[in-house]
Amino acid sequence: MDEGSVADVLRLCGAVRDAQAMLNLPAPRLAELLTCAALAEHAATFHPVDESEVLAQVRSMRYILIEDADGPIAAFMADSAARIIGDGIGRFFL
C-alpha cells in the first residue's frame, strides 16, 4: 500500500469520525463503524502497513455506509472506500 493510499485511509477514517452525526446510523452500527475506522487507522499507521487488515476494515466500513447509513455524505464516503479498495463498488456505482 503506497503512501497516497494510506493518506486516503486516514482521511476517510477522520471524515467518518467528524461526520458521524450526519450518517443517521443506529447507535450499534455507528459504534461498529467507528471501531472499523479505528482499526483501519491503526493498521494503516503500523510499520510495515498491515494492508490486508486495512482493506478488511475499509470493506466493513463501506458495507455499513452502503447498507445502513443515510444522509448527504454517506454516498461520498462509500465511494471513497471503494476507491481505496479498488473494486469500484460504491454507492454511486450501484
N, C-alpha and C. Protein backbone atom coordinates (compact mmCIF):
# COMPACT_ATOMS: atom_id res chain seq x y z
N MET A 1 0.87 -1.17 0.00
CA MET A 1 0.00 0.00 0.00
C MET A 1 0.91 1.23 0.00
N ASP A 2 0.70 2.11 -0.96
CA ASP A 2 1.56 3.29 -1.07
C ASP A 2 1.11 4.39 -0.09
N GLU A 3 1.95 5.41 0.01
CA GLU A 3 1.67 6.50 0.95
C GLU A 3 0.38 7.25 0.62
N GLY A 4 0.07 7.35 -0.65
CA GLY A 4 -1.18 8.01 -1.05
C GLY A 4 -2.40 7.26 -0.58
N SER A 5 -2.34 5.94 -0.68
CA SER A 5 -3.47 5.12 -0.22
C SER A 5 -3.60 5.19 1.30
N VAL A 6 -2.48 5.18 1.99
CA VAL A 6 -2.51 5.30 3.46
C VAL A 6 -3.14 6.64 3.84
N ALA A 7 -2.75 7.70 3.15
CA ALA A 7 -3.33 9.02 3.43
C ALA A 7 -4.83 9.03 3.16
N ASP A 8 -5.26 8.34 2.10
CA ASP A 8 -6.70 8.25 1.79
C ASP A 8 -7.45 7.54 2.91
N VAL A 9 -6.86 6.46 3.43
CA VAL A 9 -7.48 5.72 4.53
C VAL A 9 -7.60 6.62 5.75
N LEU A 10 -6.55 7.32 6.08
CA LEU A 10 -6.57 8.20 7.25
C LEU A 10 -7.59 9.33 7.08
N ARG A 11 -7.71 9.87 5.88
CA ARG A 11 -8.71 10.91 5.63
C ARG A 11 -10.13 10.36 5.77
N LEU A 12 -10.37 9.17 5.22
CA LEU A 12 -11.69 8.55 5.32
C LEU A 12 -12.05 8.30 6.78
N CYS A 13 -11.12 7.76 7.54
CA CYS A 13 -11.39 7.48 8.95
C CYS A 13 -11.68 8.76 9.73
N GLY A 14 -10.92 9.81 9.44
CA GLY A 14 -11.18 11.10 10.09
C GLY A 14 -12.53 11.67 9.70
N ALA A 15 -12.88 11.53 8.43
CA ALA A 15 -14.18 12.03 7.96
C ALA A 15 -15.33 11.28 8.62
N VAL A 16 -15.18 9.97 8.78
CA VAL A 16 -16.22 9.17 9.45
C VAL A 16 -16.42 9.67 10.88
N ARG A 17 -15.33 9.89 11.58
CA ARG A 17 -15.44 10.39 12.96
C ARG A 17 -16.07 11.78 13.00
N ASP A 18 -15.64 12.65 12.10
CA ASP A 18 -16.13 14.03 12.11
C ASP A 18 -17.59 14.14 11.70
N ALA A 19 -18.05 13.26 10.84
CA ALA A 19 -19.40 13.38 10.28
C ALA A 19 -20.36 12.32 10.81
N GLN A 20 -20.02 11.69 11.91
CA GLN A 20 -20.85 10.58 12.37
C GLN A 20 -22.31 10.96 12.61
N ALA A 21 -22.58 12.17 13.03
CA ALA A 21 -23.96 12.58 13.27
C ALA A 21 -24.76 12.70 11.97
N MET A 22 -24.07 12.94 10.86
CA MET A 22 -24.76 13.11 9.57
C MET A 22 -25.02 11.79 8.87
N LEU A 23 -24.59 10.67 9.45
CA LEU A 23 -24.78 9.37 8.80
C LEU A 23 -26.09 8.70 9.18
N ASN A 24 -26.76 9.23 10.19
CA ASN A 24 -28.06 8.70 10.63
C ASN A 24 -28.04 7.20 10.88
N LEU A 25 -27.02 6.74 11.59
CA LEU A 25 -26.90 5.32 11.91
C LEU A 25 -27.42 5.05 13.31
N PRO A 26 -28.05 3.88 13.51
CA PRO A 26 -28.41 3.49 14.88
C PRO A 26 -27.13 3.32 15.71
N ALA A 27 -27.22 3.51 16.99
CA ALA A 27 -26.05 3.50 17.87
C ALA A 27 -25.16 2.26 17.71
N PRO A 28 -25.72 1.04 17.63
CA PRO A 28 -24.84 -0.12 17.49
C PRO A 28 -24.05 -0.12 16.17
N ARG A 29 -24.69 0.30 15.09
CA ARG A 29 -23.99 0.33 13.79
C ARG A 29 -22.96 1.45 13.75
N LEU A 30 -23.27 2.58 14.39
CA LEU A 30 -22.30 3.66 14.47
C LEU A 30 -21.08 3.21 15.26
N ALA A 31 -21.30 2.52 16.35
CA ALA A 31 -20.18 2.01 17.15
C ALA A 31 -19.33 1.04 16.32
N GLU A 32 -19.99 0.20 15.54
CA GLU A 32 -19.26 -0.74 14.67
C GLU A 32 -18.45 0.00 13.61
N LEU A 33 -19.05 1.03 13.02
CA LEU A 33 -18.35 1.83 12.00
C LEU A 33 -17.13 2.53 12.60
N LEU A 34 -17.30 3.10 13.77
CA LEU A 34 -16.19 3.80 14.42
C LEU A 34 -15.08 2.83 14.84
N THR A 35 -15.45 1.62 15.23
CA THR A 35 -14.46 0.60 15.56
C THR A 35 -13.67 0.22 14.31
N CYS A 36 -14.36 0.03 13.20
CA CYS A 36 -13.68 -0.29 11.94
C CYS A 36 -12.73 0.84 11.55
N ALA A 37 -13.17 2.07 11.72
CA ALA A 37 -12.32 3.21 11.38
C ALA A 37 -11.07 3.23 12.25
N ALA A 38 -11.23 2.98 13.53
CA ALA A 38 -10.08 2.97 14.44
C ALA A 38 -9.11 1.84 14.08
N LEU A 39 -9.64 0.67 13.77
CA LEU A 39 -8.78 -0.47 13.41
C LEU A 39 -8.08 -0.23 12.08
N ALA A 40 -8.78 0.39 11.12
CA ALA A 40 -8.16 0.70 9.83
C ALA A 40 -7.04 1.71 10.01
N GLU A 41 -7.28 2.72 10.84
CA GLU A 41 -6.25 3.72 11.12
C GLU A 41 -5.02 3.08 11.76
N HIS A 42 -5.27 2.22 12.72
CA HIS A 42 -4.16 1.55 13.40
C HIS A 42 -3.35 0.71 12.42
N ALA A 43 -4.02 -0.06 11.59
CA ALA A 43 -3.33 -0.92 10.63
C ALA A 43 -2.58 -0.08 9.58
N ALA A 44 -3.14 1.07 9.22
CA ALA A 44 -2.52 1.92 8.21
C ALA A 44 -1.27 2.63 8.74
N THR A 45 -1.23 2.85 10.04
CA THR A 45 -0.09 3.55 10.62
C THR A 45 0.95 2.59 11.20
N PHE A 46 0.65 1.30 11.17
CA PHE A 46 1.59 0.29 11.63
C PHE A 46 2.72 0.18 10.62
N HIS A 47 3.93 -0.08 11.10
CA HIS A 47 5.08 -0.21 10.18
C HIS A 47 5.63 -1.61 10.24
N PRO A 48 5.60 -2.38 9.16
CA PRO A 48 5.03 -2.00 7.86
C PRO A 48 3.50 -2.01 7.91
N VAL A 49 2.90 -1.33 6.97
CA VAL A 49 1.44 -1.24 6.91
C VAL A 49 0.85 -2.63 6.78
N ASP A 50 -0.18 -2.91 7.57
CA ASP A 50 -0.88 -4.19 7.51
C ASP A 50 -2.00 -4.04 6.47
N GLU A 51 -1.62 -4.20 5.21
CA GLU A 51 -2.54 -3.93 4.10
C GLU A 51 -3.80 -4.79 4.15
N SER A 52 -3.67 -6.06 4.48
CA SER A 52 -4.85 -6.93 4.49
C SER A 52 -5.84 -6.49 5.57
N GLU A 53 -5.34 -6.03 6.71
CA GLU A 53 -6.23 -5.55 7.78
C GLU A 53 -6.87 -4.22 7.39
N VAL A 54 -6.09 -3.35 6.78
CA VAL A 54 -6.65 -2.07 6.32
C VAL A 54 -7.80 -2.33 5.36
N LEU A 55 -7.57 -3.18 4.37
CA LEU A 55 -8.60 -3.44 3.36
C LEU A 55 -9.82 -4.13 3.96
N ALA A 56 -9.60 -5.03 4.92
CA ALA A 56 -10.73 -5.70 5.57
C ALA A 56 -11.60 -4.69 6.32
N GLN A 57 -10.97 -3.78 7.03
CA GLN A 57 -11.73 -2.79 7.79
C GLN A 57 -12.41 -1.77 6.87
N VAL A 58 -11.75 -1.37 5.81
CA VAL A 58 -12.36 -0.44 4.87
C VAL A 58 -13.54 -1.10 4.15
N ARG A 59 -13.42 -2.39 3.85
CA ARG A 59 -14.57 -3.12 3.26
C ARG A 59 -15.76 -3.12 4.23
N SER A 60 -15.48 -3.36 5.50
CA SER A 60 -16.55 -3.34 6.51
C SER A 60 -17.19 -1.96 6.60
N MET A 61 -16.35 -0.93 6.57
CA MET A 61 -16.87 0.43 6.61
C MET A 61 -17.76 0.70 5.40
N ARG A 62 -17.28 0.29 4.22
CA ARG A 62 -18.06 0.52 3.01
C ARG A 62 -19.42 -0.19 3.10
N TYR A 63 -19.44 -1.42 3.61
CA TYR A 63 -20.69 -2.16 3.74
C TYR A 63 -21.68 -1.39 4.62
N ILE A 64 -21.21 -0.93 5.76
CA ILE A 64 -22.10 -0.18 6.67
C ILE A 64 -22.58 1.10 5.99
N LEU A 65 -21.68 1.80 5.31
CA LEU A 65 -22.06 3.04 4.64
C LEU A 65 -23.08 2.82 3.52
N ILE A 66 -22.94 1.71 2.80
CA ILE A 66 -23.88 1.43 1.71
C ILE A 66 -25.21 0.91 2.23
N GLU A 67 -25.16 -0.02 3.16
CA GLU A 67 -26.37 -0.71 3.60
C GLU A 67 -27.18 0.03 4.65
N ASP A 68 -26.51 0.75 5.55
CA ASP A 68 -27.22 1.28 6.71
C ASP A 68 -27.20 2.80 6.84
N ALA A 69 -26.16 3.43 6.34
CA ALA A 69 -26.04 4.88 6.51
C ALA A 69 -26.99 5.61 5.58
N ASP A 70 -27.44 6.75 6.05
CA ASP A 70 -28.32 7.58 5.27
C ASP A 70 -27.93 9.02 5.58
N GLY A 71 -27.92 9.81 4.60
CA GLY A 71 -27.54 11.20 4.82
C GLY A 71 -26.77 11.72 3.64
N PRO A 72 -26.51 13.00 3.62
CA PRO A 72 -25.93 13.63 2.44
C PRO A 72 -24.49 13.23 2.15
N ILE A 73 -23.78 12.70 3.12
CA ILE A 73 -22.36 12.44 2.93
C ILE A 73 -22.03 10.95 2.83
N ALA A 74 -22.97 10.09 3.16
CA ALA A 74 -22.72 8.64 3.19
C ALA A 74 -22.26 8.10 1.83
N ALA A 75 -22.88 8.55 0.77
CA ALA A 75 -22.52 8.05 -0.57
C ALA A 75 -21.10 8.42 -0.94
N PHE A 76 -20.68 9.62 -0.57
CA PHE A 76 -19.32 10.05 -0.88
C PHE A 76 -18.30 9.23 -0.10
N MET A 77 -18.62 8.93 1.15
CA MET A 77 -17.71 8.12 1.96
C MET A 77 -17.63 6.69 1.42
N ALA A 78 -18.77 6.13 1.00
CA ALA A 78 -18.77 4.79 0.43
C ALA A 78 -17.94 4.75 -0.84
N ASP A 79 -18.02 5.78 -1.65
CA ASP A 79 -17.21 5.83 -2.87
C ASP A 79 -15.73 6.00 -2.56
N SER A 80 -15.41 6.75 -1.53
CA SER A 80 -14.01 6.86 -1.11
C SER A 80 -13.47 5.50 -0.69
N ALA A 81 -14.29 4.76 0.04
CA ALA A 81 -13.88 3.41 0.45
C ALA A 81 -13.68 2.52 -0.77
N ALA A 82 -14.57 2.63 -1.76
CA ALA A 82 -14.45 1.82 -2.97
C ALA A 82 -13.16 2.14 -3.72
N ARG A 83 -12.79 3.41 -3.77
CA ARG A 83 -11.54 3.78 -4.44
C ARG A 83 -10.33 3.22 -3.69
N ILE A 84 -10.37 3.23 -2.38
CA ILE A 84 -9.27 2.68 -1.59
C ILE A 84 -9.14 1.18 -1.85
N ILE A 85 -10.27 0.49 -1.84
CA ILE A 85 -10.27 -0.96 -2.06
C ILE A 85 -9.89 -1.28 -3.50
N GLY A 86 -10.39 -0.47 -4.42
CA GLY A 86 -10.02 -0.64 -5.81
C GLY A 86 -10.97 -1.48 -6.64
N ASP A 87 -12.15 -1.79 -6.10
CA ASP A 87 -13.08 -2.61 -6.88
C ASP A 87 -14.22 -1.81 -7.48
N GLY A 88 -14.31 -0.52 -7.18
CA GLY A 88 -15.29 0.34 -7.83
C GLY A 88 -16.72 0.12 -7.39
N ILE A 89 -16.95 -0.58 -6.29
CA ILE A 89 -18.33 -0.81 -5.85
C ILE A 89 -18.62 0.11 -4.68
N GLY A 90 -19.19 1.27 -5.01
CA GLY A 90 -19.60 2.24 -4.01
C GLY A 90 -21.06 2.57 -4.24
N ARG A 91 -21.56 3.52 -3.53
CA ARG A 91 -22.98 3.85 -3.63
C ARG A 91 -23.31 4.45 -5.00
N PHE A 92 -22.43 5.26 -5.56
CA PHE A 92 -22.71 5.87 -6.85
C PHE A 92 -22.59 4.87 -8.00
N PHE A 93 -21.97 3.75 -7.73
CA PHE A 93 -21.75 2.76 -8.79
C PHE A 93 -22.83 1.68 -8.80
N LEU A 94 -23.74 1.69 -7.86
CA LEU A 94 -24.77 0.66 -7.79
C LEU A 94 -25.81 0.85 -8.87
